[in-house]
């Protein structure tokens, strides 16, 4: 007959101690270790980063039906084949800015499109191919029309109204409205002008031609013997009025006694000086001012 012994308090304490020892060994030799926590405490929450990067929707931007746009004359639609997000054709033409700039060759341009959106300005580029193109064409008549001395740049109007100038955009289209000019007057011959005509087409290509023209004396004019004088330091410059060749009124009479000279020259100091000559006739009509440049250099 088996007799079962009754567990005493001492025996129970031994069992509890053994179980605690086994638990301690498991914690020591387990795969992971954890720091001891005070009774009643909770594991700390993971710390949040200082800044959270929010996802920003990247706009679809521009799309093209082809990699390039070809042009051979006629009407040019830079927005042909261009789409942008959900814009309609009318919205494209209202909101999209297109600019043509130089490319890798004269017949290869770059179109830059840009639009302002809530996300900022968005841009895209494509190639513009100009077929059989070599640049704008500018041709003047052999002899330029005579225009008033008071308005030498008015020669452009004379050329246009008389159909005397050819201004071709490079595809046979007339762009005479884009013609500009600058006139340089000769101080030694006030009735002579040297013109520089410049023609720029829509592709930002330019060509220019220089030509001589004659001016009609509708205002008095001053002519100098020279427009430049070179001196060494200490050399005498003389009377500034001695460099005036003639001062002529609109009727051809001389009004040399009505000329005035402004400015000064210090021949003892190296430098460049400018004298300006003006004159008006008895009716108060003024001549164009002319200038004399005086260069004083060291010996």
Protein backbone atom coordinates (compact mmCIF):
# COMPACT_ATOMS: atom_id res chain seq x y z
CA UNK A 1 0.00 0.00 0.00
CA UNK A 2 1.37 3.43 -1.09
CA UNK A 3 1.43 6.05 1.51
CA UNK A 4 1.31 9.68 0.13
CA UNK A 5 3.20 12.15 2.17
CA UNK A 6 1.59 15.46 2.93
CA UNK A 7 3.56 18.46 1.61
CA UNK A 8 4.83 20.67 4.36
CA UNK A 9 5.27 24.48 4.07
CA UNK A 10 9.02 24.00 3.86
CA UNK A 11 8.64 21.66 0.91
CA UNK A 12 6.44 24.13 -0.92
CA UNK A 13 9.00 26.83 -0.50
CA UNK A 14 11.67 24.57 -2.05
CA UNK A 15 9.46 23.95 -5.10
CA UNK A 16 8.83 27.64 -5.61
CA UNK A 17 12.56 28.44 -5.40
CA UNK A 18 13.38 25.76 -7.97
CA UNK A 19 10.76 27.04 -10.38
CA UNK A 20 12.12 30.56 -10.04
CA UNK A 21 15.62 29.30 -10.79
CA UNK A 22 14.43 27.53 -13.94
CA UNK A 23 12.59 30.67 -15.11
CA UNK A 24 15.71 32.74 -14.57
CA UNK A 25 17.75 30.35 -16.73
CA UNK A 26 15.20 30.60 -19.52
CA UNK A 27 15.36 34.40 -19.45
CA UNK A 28 19.16 34.35 -19.43
CA UNK A 29 19.65 31.95 -22.33
CA UNK A 30 16.68 32.86 -24.51
CA UNK A 31 17.16 34.27 -28.02
CA UNK A 32 16.22 37.81 -26.97
CA UNK A 33 16.92 39.78 -23.86
CA UNK A 34 14.77 42.57 -22.45
CA UNK A 35 15.63 45.10 -19.81
CA UNK A 36 13.87 44.71 -16.52
CA UNK A 37 10.91 47.04 -16.03
CA UNK A 38 9.66 48.43 -12.74
CA UNK A 39 6.54 46.85 -11.42
CA UNK A 40 3.45 48.39 -12.99
CA UNK A 41 5.36 50.20 -15.82
CA UNK A 42 4.56 49.98 -19.55
CA UNK A 43 6.84 49.58 -22.53
CA UNK A 44 7.76 53.00 -24.01
CA UNK A 45 5.98 54.04 -27.21
CA UNK A 46 8.25 54.38 -30.29
CA UNK A 47 9.51 57.94 -30.67
CA UNK A 48 8.08 59.99 -33.55
CA UNK A 49 10.49 61.56 -36.06
CA UNK A 50 10.93 65.32 -35.96
CA UNK A 51 9.35 65.84 -39.41
CA UNK A 52 6.97 63.72 -41.37
CA UNK A 53 7.37 63.77 -45.16
CA UNK A 54 4.00 64.10 -46.75
CA UNK A 55 3.36 62.60 -50.12
CA UNK A 56 2.97 65.27 -52.79
CA UNK A 57 1.08 64.50 -55.95
CA UNK A 58 3.43 64.81 -58.91
CA UNK A 59 1.56 66.40 -61.80
CA UNK A 60 1.41 64.58 -65.09
CA UNK A 61 2.69 67.66 -66.85
CA UNK A 62 2.95 67.96 -70.60
CA UNK A 63 2.51 65.26 -73.22
CA UNK A 64 3.25 65.40 -76.94
CA UNK A 65 1.92 63.37 -79.80
CA UNK A 66 5.43 63.20 -81.23
CA UNK A 67 8.94 63.99 -80.13
CA UNK A 68 9.18 67.00 -82.46
CA UNK A 69 7.05 69.49 -84.38
CA UNK A 70 7.72 70.03 -88.08
CA UNK A 71 7.05 73.27 -89.96
CA UNK A 72 7.39 74.05 -93.66
CA UNK A 73 5.51 77.36 -93.93
CA UNK A 74 2.06 78.80 -93.43
CA UNK A 75 0.42 79.04 -90.03
CA UNK A 76 2.49 77.73 -87.14
CA UNK A 77 0.66 76.28 -84.16
CA UNK A 78 3.18 75.73 -81.38
CA UNK A 79 0.53 73.91 -79.31
CA UNK A 80 -0.15 71.32 -82.00
CA UNK A 81 -0.09 67.89 -80.39
CA UNK A 82 0.40 69.34 -76.90
CA UNK A 83 -1.71 68.30 -73.93
CA UNK A 84 -1.48 69.17 -70.27
CA UNK A 85 -3.38 67.28 -67.58
CA UNK A 86 -7.08 67.92 -67.99
CA UNK A 87 -6.76 71.21 -69.91
CA UNK A 88 -9.02 71.72 -72.89
CA UNK A 89 -7.64 73.19 -76.12
CA UNK A 90 -8.95 76.64 -75.17
CA UNK A 91 -7.41 76.40 -71.71
CA UNK A 92 -4.08 75.44 -73.24
CA UNK A 93 -4.00 78.55 -75.40
CA UNK A 94 -4.96 80.72 -72.44
CA UNK A 95 -2.59 79.30 -69.84
CA UNK A 96 0.43 77.83 -71.65
CA UNK A 97 3.38 80.03 -72.62
CA UNK A 98 5.55 78.83 -75.52
CA UNK A 99 8.94 80.29 -76.45
CA UNK A 100 11.23 79.46 -79.37
CA UNK A 101 14.99 79.50 -78.86
CA UNK A 102 18.09 78.37 -80.74
CA UNK A 103 18.75 74.67 -81.09
CA UNK A 104 21.58 72.52 -82.33
CA UNK A 105 21.28 73.91 -85.89
CA UNK A 106 19.59 76.81 -87.67
CA UNK A 107 16.78 74.48 -88.80
CA UNK A 108 16.45 72.87 -85.36
CA UNK A 109 14.87 75.05 -82.68
CA UNK A 110 13.76 74.37 -79.12
CA UNK A 111 10.23 75.14 -77.98
CA UNK A 112 9.94 75.68 -74.23
CA UNK A 113 6.48 75.36 -72.74
CA UNK A 114 5.66 76.60 -69.25
CA UNK A 115 2.55 76.88 -67.10
CA UNK A 116 1.92 78.03 -63.53
CA UNK A 117 0.15 75.45 -61.35
CA UNK A 118 -0.67 75.17 -57.62
CA UNK A 119 2.44 72.95 -57.36
CA UNK A 120 4.60 75.63 -58.98
CA UNK A 121 5.77 76.33 -62.53
CA UNK A 122 6.06 73.29 -64.78
CA UNK A 123 8.11 73.32 -67.99
CA UNK A 124 8.78 70.99 -70.87
CA UNK A 125 10.62 71.21 -74.19
CA UNK A 126 10.36 69.74 -77.65
CA UNK A 127 12.20 70.17 -80.93
CA UNK A 128 10.90 72.34 -83.76
CA UNK A 129 12.12 71.13 -87.16
CA UNK A 130 12.14 73.82 -89.87
CA UNK A 131 12.06 72.13 -93.28
CA UNK A 132 14.07 73.68 -96.14
CA UNK A 133 14.96 76.67 -93.97
CA UNK A 134 18.11 78.79 -94.03
CA UNK A 135 17.04 81.92 -92.15
CA UNK A 136 15.30 85.23 -92.92
CA UNK A 137 15.98 87.15 -96.15
CA UNK A 138 16.46 90.92 -96.37
CA UNK A 139 16.99 92.69 -99.71
CA UNK A 140 17.17 96.47 -100.26
CA UNK A 141 17.04 98.50 -103.49
CA UNK A 142 20.34 99.55 -105.03
CA UNK A 143 19.58 103.21 -104.22
CA UNK A 144 17.75 104.16 -101.04
CA UNK A 145 15.07 106.87 -101.17
CA UNK A 146 15.98 110.31 -99.84
CA UNK A 147 14.36 111.13 -96.50
CA UNK A 148 14.39 114.29 -94.32
CA UNK A 149 17.42 115.05 -92.22
CA UNK A 150 15.07 115.49 -89.24
CA UNK A 151 13.84 111.88 -89.50
CA UNK A 152 16.45 109.55 -91.01
CA UNK A 153 14.78 106.45 -89.52
CA UNK A 154 11.68 107.33 -91.53
CA UNK A 155 13.30 105.52 -94.41
CA UNK A 156 11.61 102.30 -93.23
CA UNK A 157 8.20 103.77 -94.02
CA UNK A 158 9.41 104.82 -97.47
CA UNK A 159 10.71 101.34 -98.19
CA UNK A 160 7.50 99.66 -97.06
CA UNK A 161 5.07 102.00 -98.78
CA UNK A 162 6.96 101.73 -102.06
CA UNK A 163 7.42 97.98 -101.81
CA UNK A 164 11.13 98.60 -102.21
CA UNK A 165 12.34 96.08 -99.65
CA UNK A 166 12.01 92.32 -99.41
CA UNK A 167 11.54 90.98 -95.90
CA UNK A 168 11.09 87.20 -95.98
CA UNK A 169 10.73 85.06 -92.86
CA UNK A 170 12.53 82.19 -94.60
CA UNK A 171 9.34 80.52 -95.81
CA UNK A 172 8.12 83.13 -98.28
CA UNK A 173 6.03 85.13 -95.80
CA UNK A 174 6.41 88.93 -95.75
CA UNK A 175 7.54 90.26 -92.35
CA UNK A 176 8.40 93.84 -93.34
CA UNK A 177 6.67 94.94 -90.14
CA UNK A 178 9.59 93.41 -88.22
CA UNK A 179 12.18 95.55 -90.04
CA UNK A 180 14.11 98.01 -87.88
CA UNK A 181 16.97 100.37 -88.60
CA UNK A 182 19.48 102.68 -86.97
CA UNK A 183 21.07 105.66 -88.69
CA UNK A 184 24.58 106.91 -88.10
CA UNK A 185 25.16 110.47 -89.32
CA UNK A 186 28.52 111.63 -90.59
CA UNK A 187 29.74 114.81 -88.77
CA UNK A 188 31.80 115.72 -91.82
CA UNK A 189 28.83 115.33 -94.19
CA UNK A 190 25.55 115.84 -92.36
CA UNK A 191 23.49 114.91 -95.42
CA UNK A 192 25.01 111.43 -95.50
CA UNK A 193 23.69 108.57 -93.37
CA UNK A 194 24.89 105.03 -92.89
CA UNK A 195 21.97 102.73 -92.17
CA UNK A 196 21.95 99.37 -90.49
CA UNK A 197 18.75 97.46 -91.27
CA UNK A 198 17.89 94.46 -89.10
CA UNK A 199 15.22 91.83 -89.72
CA UNK A 200 14.24 89.29 -87.04
CA UNK A 201 11.69 86.54 -87.67
CA UNK A 202 9.50 84.57 -85.28
CA UNK A 203 12.23 81.95 -84.82
CA UNK A 204 14.54 84.62 -83.32
CA UNK A 205 16.87 84.46 -86.31
CA UNK A 206 18.20 87.82 -87.53
CA UNK A 207 19.92 89.19 -90.57
CA UNK A 208 21.19 92.70 -91.25
CA UNK A 209 22.30 94.88 -94.15
CA UNK A 210 24.21 98.18 -94.09
CA UNK A 211 23.65 100.83 -96.75
CA UNK A 212 24.37 104.49 -97.47
CA UNK A 213 21.57 107.02 -97.80
CA UNK A 214 21.08 110.70 -98.64
CA UNK A 215 19.17 113.10 -96.40
CA UNK A 216 17.18 116.16 -97.45
CA UNK A 217 18.12 119.28 -95.37
CA UNK A 218 14.75 120.17 -93.87
CA UNK A 219 16.58 121.42 -90.75
CA UNK A 220 19.92 123.28 -90.39
CA UNK A 221 22.99 121.12 -90.26
CA UNK A 222 26.54 121.34 -88.97
CA UNK A 223 29.53 119.79 -90.67
CA UNK A 224 32.94 119.36 -89.00
CA UNK A 225 36.32 118.97 -90.64
CA UNK A 226 36.82 115.75 -88.69
CA UNK A 227 35.10 113.79 -85.94
CA UNK A 228 38.29 112.76 -84.08
CA UNK A 229 41.44 114.63 -83.05
CA UNK A 230 44.48 112.93 -81.49
CA UNK A 231 47.00 114.95 -79.47
CA UNK A 232 50.01 114.28 -77.26
CA UNK A 233 50.11 115.69 -73.76
CA UNK A 234 51.14 119.35 -73.94
CA UNK A 235 50.30 119.73 -77.64
CA UNK A 236 48.15 122.72 -78.61
CA UNK A 237 44.51 121.94 -79.45
CA UNK A 238 43.70 125.36 -80.88
CA UNK A 239 40.35 127.02 -81.32
CA UNK A 240 37.46 124.48 -81.09
CA UNK A 241 35.49 126.54 -83.64
CA UNK A 242 38.27 125.99 -86.17
CA UNK A 243 37.05 122.40 -86.57
CA UNK A 244 33.71 123.55 -88.02
CA UNK A 245 33.54 123.14 -91.80
CA UNK A 246 30.15 124.83 -92.29
CA UNK A 247 26.76 125.46 -90.73
CA UNK A 248 23.97 125.59 -93.32
CA UNK A 249 20.35 126.68 -92.97
CA UNK A 250 17.43 124.99 -94.75
CA UNK A 251 17.61 127.56 -97.57
CA UNK A 252 21.30 126.87 -98.14
CA UNK A 253 22.59 130.04 -96.44
CA UNK A 254 25.42 129.97 -93.90
CA UNK A 255 24.59 130.47 -90.23
CA UNK A 256 28.05 129.83 -88.82
CA UNK A 257 27.65 132.77 -86.45
CA UNK A 258 24.84 130.90 -84.66
CA UNK A 259 26.83 127.83 -83.69
CA UNK A 260 27.75 127.10 -80.08
CA UNK A 261 30.37 124.69 -78.68
CA UNK A 262 30.09 122.97 -75.30
CA UNK A 263 32.80 121.09 -73.44
CA UNK A 264 36.50 121.56 -72.75
CA UNK A 265 39.83 119.92 -73.47
CA UNK A 266 42.77 119.71 -71.03
CA UNK A 267 45.79 119.01 -73.20
CA UNK A 268 48.00 118.66 -70.11
CA UNK A 269 46.05 115.64 -68.84
CA UNK A 270 45.81 112.33 -70.64
CA UNK A 271 42.26 111.29 -71.46
CA UNK A 272 39.38 111.41 -73.94
CA UNK A 273 37.30 114.58 -74.25
CA UNK A 274 34.10 115.35 -76.15
CA UNK A 275 33.02 118.68 -77.60
CA UNK A 276 29.40 119.15 -78.69
CA UNK A 277 28.29 121.66 -81.33
CA UNK A 278 24.74 123.02 -81.68
CA UNK A 279 23.07 125.68 -83.80
CA UNK A 280 19.59 127.12 -84.47
CA UNK A 281 18.38 129.36 -87.28
CA UNK A 282 16.49 132.62 -86.88
CA UNK A 283 13.18 130.71 -86.73
CA UNK A 284 14.47 128.66 -83.81
CA UNK A 285 14.79 125.43 -85.79
CA UNK A 286 17.66 123.46 -84.30
CA UNK A 287 20.28 121.48 -86.13
CA UNK A 288 21.23 118.01 -85.03
CA UNK A 289 24.10 118.20 -82.57
CA UNK A 290 27.44 116.86 -83.67
CA UNK A 291 30.39 115.80 -81.53
CA UNK A 292 34.14 116.05 -81.79
CA UNK A 293 36.19 113.47 -79.89
CA UNK A 294 39.61 114.62 -78.66
CA UNK A 295 42.08 111.98 -77.44
CA UNK A 296 45.08 113.20 -75.45
CA UNK A 297 47.75 110.56 -74.98
CA UNK A 298 51.17 110.44 -73.38
CA UNK A 299 54.15 111.08 -75.64
